Amino acid sequence: MSKSHRGKGISELASHGRGECPVCERRNVKILYEQEAGDKKVKICKTCKAAIKNGKKSIGSPAAETAPVTEAPPAAAASAAVAPAAVAAESTDAAAADTAPASDPSA
């Protein structure tokens, strides 16, 4: 039985058959296995092929796969990002006020 997904068989393909898998989005893996996604065929990696065959994964629309499952609301994330910066600014102002009179030799 020939091994078409190794060595000489893939050396003639573009990038030696490597790229990014559209299902798991891993990079620089062999994408040699054709799978039907709706009305077109896409090439996927070996692990995704096995997972699809066993029913653990499915090829759906790209928008559905890239949508976040659970994420904090944007307003809460923005306020959380601003709060530590404000606290850090206040602490540096207090430290600067404490060191300013001590560094003045004329006092």
C-alpha atoms as a PDB file:
ATOM      1  CA  MET A   1       0.000   0.000   0.000  1.00  0.00           C
ATOM      2  CA  SER A   2       1.433   3.372  -0.969  1.00  0.00           C
ATOM      3  CA  LYS A   3       1.989   6.189   1.494  1.00  0.00           C
ATOM      4  CA  SER A   4       0.769   9.197  -0.455  1.00  0.00           C
ATOM      5  CA  HIS A   5       0.851  11.585   2.504  1.00  0.00           C
ATOM      6  CA  ARG A   6       4.601  11.247   3.169  1.00  0.00           C
ATOM      7  CA  GLY A   7       7.919  12.184   1.561  1.00  0.00           C
ATOM      8  CA  LYS A   8       8.012  12.179  -2.221  1.00  0.00           C
ATOM      9  CA  GLY A   9       4.238  12.306  -2.548  1.00  0.00           C
ATOM     10  CA  ILE A  10       3.971  15.684  -0.816  1.00  0.00           C
ATOM     11  CA  SER A  11       7.270  17.235  -1.929  1.00  0.00           C
ATOM     12  CA  GLU A  12       5.634  18.249  -5.202  1.00  0.00           C
ATOM     13  CA  LEU A  13       2.791  20.117  -3.484  1.00  0.00           C
ATOM     14  CA  ALA A  14       2.920  23.804  -2.604  1.00  0.00           C
ATOM     15  CA  SER A  15       4.759  24.278   0.729  1.00  0.00           C
ATOM     16  CA  HIS A  16       5.192  20.492   0.802  1.00  0.00           C
ATOM     17  CA  GLY A  17       1.530  20.119   1.746  1.00  0.00           C
ATOM     18  CA  ARG A  18       1.759  22.294   4.838  1.00  0.00           C
ATOM     19  CA  GLY A  19      -0.387  25.224   5.866  1.00  0.00           C
ATOM     20  CA  GLU A  20      -3.069  26.276   8.334  1.00  0.00           C
ATOM     21  CA  CYS A  21      -5.944  23.905   9.028  1.00  0.00           C
ATOM     22  CA  PRO A  22      -9.283  25.730   8.599  1.00  0.00           C
ATOM     23  CA  VAL A  23     -10.941  23.657  11.350  1.00  0.00           C
ATOM     24  CA  CYS A  24      -8.471  23.771  14.254  1.00  0.00           C
ATOM     25  CA  GLU A  25      -6.484  26.775  12.923  1.00  0.00           C
ATOM     26  CA  ARG A  26      -3.113  25.201  13.717  1.00  0.00           C
ATOM     27  CA  ARG A  27      -0.276  26.468  11.540  1.00  0.00           C
ATOM     28  CA  ASN A  28       2.383  24.585   9.581  1.00  0.00           C
ATOM     29  CA  VAL A  29       0.633  21.207   9.750  1.00  0.00           C
ATOM     30  CA  LYS A  30       0.077  18.870   6.815  1.00  0.00           C
ATOM     31  CA  ILE A  31      -3.271  19.706   5.236  1.00  0.00           C
ATOM     32  CA  LEU A  32      -3.639  16.773   2.883  1.00  0.00           C
ATOM     33  CA  TYR A  33      -7.065  15.347   3.592  1.00  0.00           C
ATOM     34  CA  GLU A  34     -10.045  16.556   1.551  1.00  0.00           C
ATOM     35  CA  GLN A  35     -13.346  16.998   3.348  1.00  0.00           C
ATOM     36  CA  GLU A  36     -16.621  18.337   1.978  1.00  0.00           C
ATOM     37  CA  ALA A  37     -17.872  21.492   3.657  1.00  0.00           C
ATOM     38  CA  GLY A  38     -21.250  22.287   2.201  1.00  0.00           C
ATOM     39  CA  ASP A  39     -20.849  22.484  -1.557  1.00  0.00           C
ATOM     40  CA  LYS A  40     -17.058  22.802  -1.698  1.00  0.00           C
ATOM     41  CA  LYS A  41     -14.087  20.672  -0.659  1.00  0.00           C
ATOM     42  CA  VAL A  42     -11.516  21.925   1.819  1.00  0.00           C
ATOM     43  CA  LYS A  43      -8.224  20.367   2.868  1.00  0.00           C
ATOM     44  CA  ILE A  44      -7.818  19.671   6.572  1.00  0.00           C
ATOM     45  CA  CYS A  45      -5.222  18.090   8.877  1.00  0.00           C
ATOM     46  CA  LYS A  46      -5.130  14.456   9.971  1.00  0.00           C
ATOM     47  CA  THR A  47      -6.405  15.010  13.517  1.00  0.00           C
ATOM     48  CA  CYS A  48      -9.394  17.046  12.349  1.00  0.00           C
ATOM     49  CA  LYS A  49     -10.200  14.392   9.753  1.00  0.00           C
ATOM     50  CA  ALA A  50     -10.315  11.752  12.482  1.00  0.00           C
ATOM     51  CA  ALA A  51     -12.353  13.985  14.806  1.00  0.00           C
ATOM     52  CA  ILE A  52     -14.896  14.716  12.080  1.00  0.00           C
ATOM     53  CA  LYS A  53     -15.130  11.033  11.239  1.00  0.00           C
ATOM     54  CA  ASN A  54     -15.807  10.176  14.906  1.00  0.00           C
ATOM     55  CA  GLY A  55     -18.328  13.006  15.293  1.00  0.00           C
ATOM     56  CA  LYS A  56     -16.289  15.112  17.724  1.00  0.00           C
ATOM     57  CA  LYS A  57     -15.887  18.063  15.343  1.00  0.00           C
ATOM     58  CA  SER A  58     -17.794  19.411  12.392  1.00  0.00           C
ATOM     59  CA  ILE A  59     -17.036  21.781   9.574  1.00  0.00           C
ATOM     60  CA  GLY A  60     -19.550  24.596   9.747  1.00  0.00           C
ATOM     61  CA  SER A  61     -19.616  28.152   8.613  1.00  0.00           C
ATOM     62  CA  PRO A  62     -16.388  30.044   9.401  1.00  0.00           C
ATOM     63  CA  ALA A  63     -18.318  32.807  11.213  1.00  0.00           C
ATOM     64  CA  ALA A  64     -19.870  30.315  13.626  1.00  0.00           C
ATOM     65  CA  GLU A  65     -16.515  28.731  14.453  1.00  0.00           C
ATOM     66  CA  THR A  66     -14.722  32.018  15.118  1.00  0.00           C
ATOM     67  CA  ALA A  67     -17.476  33.520  17.306  1.00  0.00           C
ATOM     68  CA  PRO A  68     -16.454  33.650  20.974  1.00  0.00           C
ATOM     69  CA  VAL A  69     -18.300  31.206  23.205  1.00  0.00           C
ATOM     70  CA  THR A  70     -18.222  33.180  26.466  1.00  0.00           C
ATOM     71  CA  GLU A  71     -16.725  36.598  26.863  1.00  0.00           C
ATOM     72  CA  ALA A  72     -17.123  39.509  29.255  1.00  0.00           C
ATOM     73  CA  PRO A  73     -19.120  42.512  28.002  1.00  0.00           C
ATOM     74  CA  PRO A  74     -16.944  45.142  26.302  1.00  0.00           C
ATOM     75  CA  ALA A  75     -17.884  47.854  28.834  1.00  0.00           C
ATOM     76  CA  ALA A  76     -16.692  45.770  31.776  1.00  0.00           C
ATOM     77  CA  ALA A  77     -13.476  44.870  29.994  1.00  0.00           C
ATOM     78  CA  ALA A  78     -12.760  48.524  29.164  1.00  0.00           C
ATOM     79  CA  SER A  79     -13.322  49.711  32.744  1.00  0.00           C
ATOM     80  CA  ALA A  80     -11.137  46.905  34.089  1.00  0.00           C
ATOM     81  CA  ALA A  81      -8.340  47.943  31.765  1.00  0.00           C
ATOM     82  CA  VAL A  82      -8.582  51.617  32.798  1.00  0.00           C
ATOM     83  CA  ALA A  83      -8.747  51.051  36.565  1.00  0.00           C
ATOM     84  CA  PRO A  84      -5.229  49.600  37.075  1.00  0.00           C
ATOM     85  CA  ALA A  85      -3.712  52.371  34.978  1.00  0.00           C
ATOM     86  CA  ALA A  86      -5.409  55.040  37.112  1.00  0.00           C
ATOM     87  CA  VAL A  87      -4.198  53.412  40.327  1.00  0.00           C
ATOM     88  CA  ALA A  88      -0.647  53.211  38.961  1.00  0.00           C
ATOM     89  CA  ALA A  89      -0.719  56.916  37.999  1.00  0.00           C
ATOM     90  CA  GLU A  90      -1.869  57.934  41.482  1.00  0.00           C
ATOM     91  CA  SER A  91       0.864  55.913  43.156  1.00  0.00           C
ATOM     92  CA  THR A  92       3.600  57.450  40.969  1.00  0.00           C
ATOM     93  CA  ASP A  93       2.306  60.980  41.720  1.00  0.00           C
ATOM     94  CA  ALA A  94       2.451  60.273  45.460  1.00  0.00           C
ATOM     95  CA  ALA A  95       5.972  58.870  45.151  1.00  0.00           C
ATOM     96  CA  ALA A  96       7.099  61.933  43.179  1.00  0.00           C
ATOM     97  CA  ALA A  97       5.651  64.277  45.831  1.00  0.00           C
ATOM     98  CA  ASP A  98       7.524  62.437  48.598  1.00  0.00           C
ATOM     99  CA  THR A  99      10.883  62.615  46.821  1.00  0.00           C
ATOM    100  CA  ALA A 100      10.697  66.228  45.554  1.00  0.00           C
ATOM    101  CA  PRO A 101      11.376  68.085  48.872  1.00  0.00           C
ATOM    102  CA  ALA A 102      14.105  65.652  49.910  1.00  0.00           C
ATOM    103  CA  SER A 103      16.109  66.197  46.711  1.00  0.00           C
ATOM    104  CA  ASP A 104      16.129  70.031  47.027  1.00  0.00           C
ATOM    105  CA  PRO A 105      19.492  70.999  48.638  1.00  0.00           C
ATOM    106  CA  SER A 106      18.497  74.662  49.375  1.00  0.00           C
ATOM    107  CA  ALA A 107      15.783  73.742  51.867  1.00  0.00           C
END
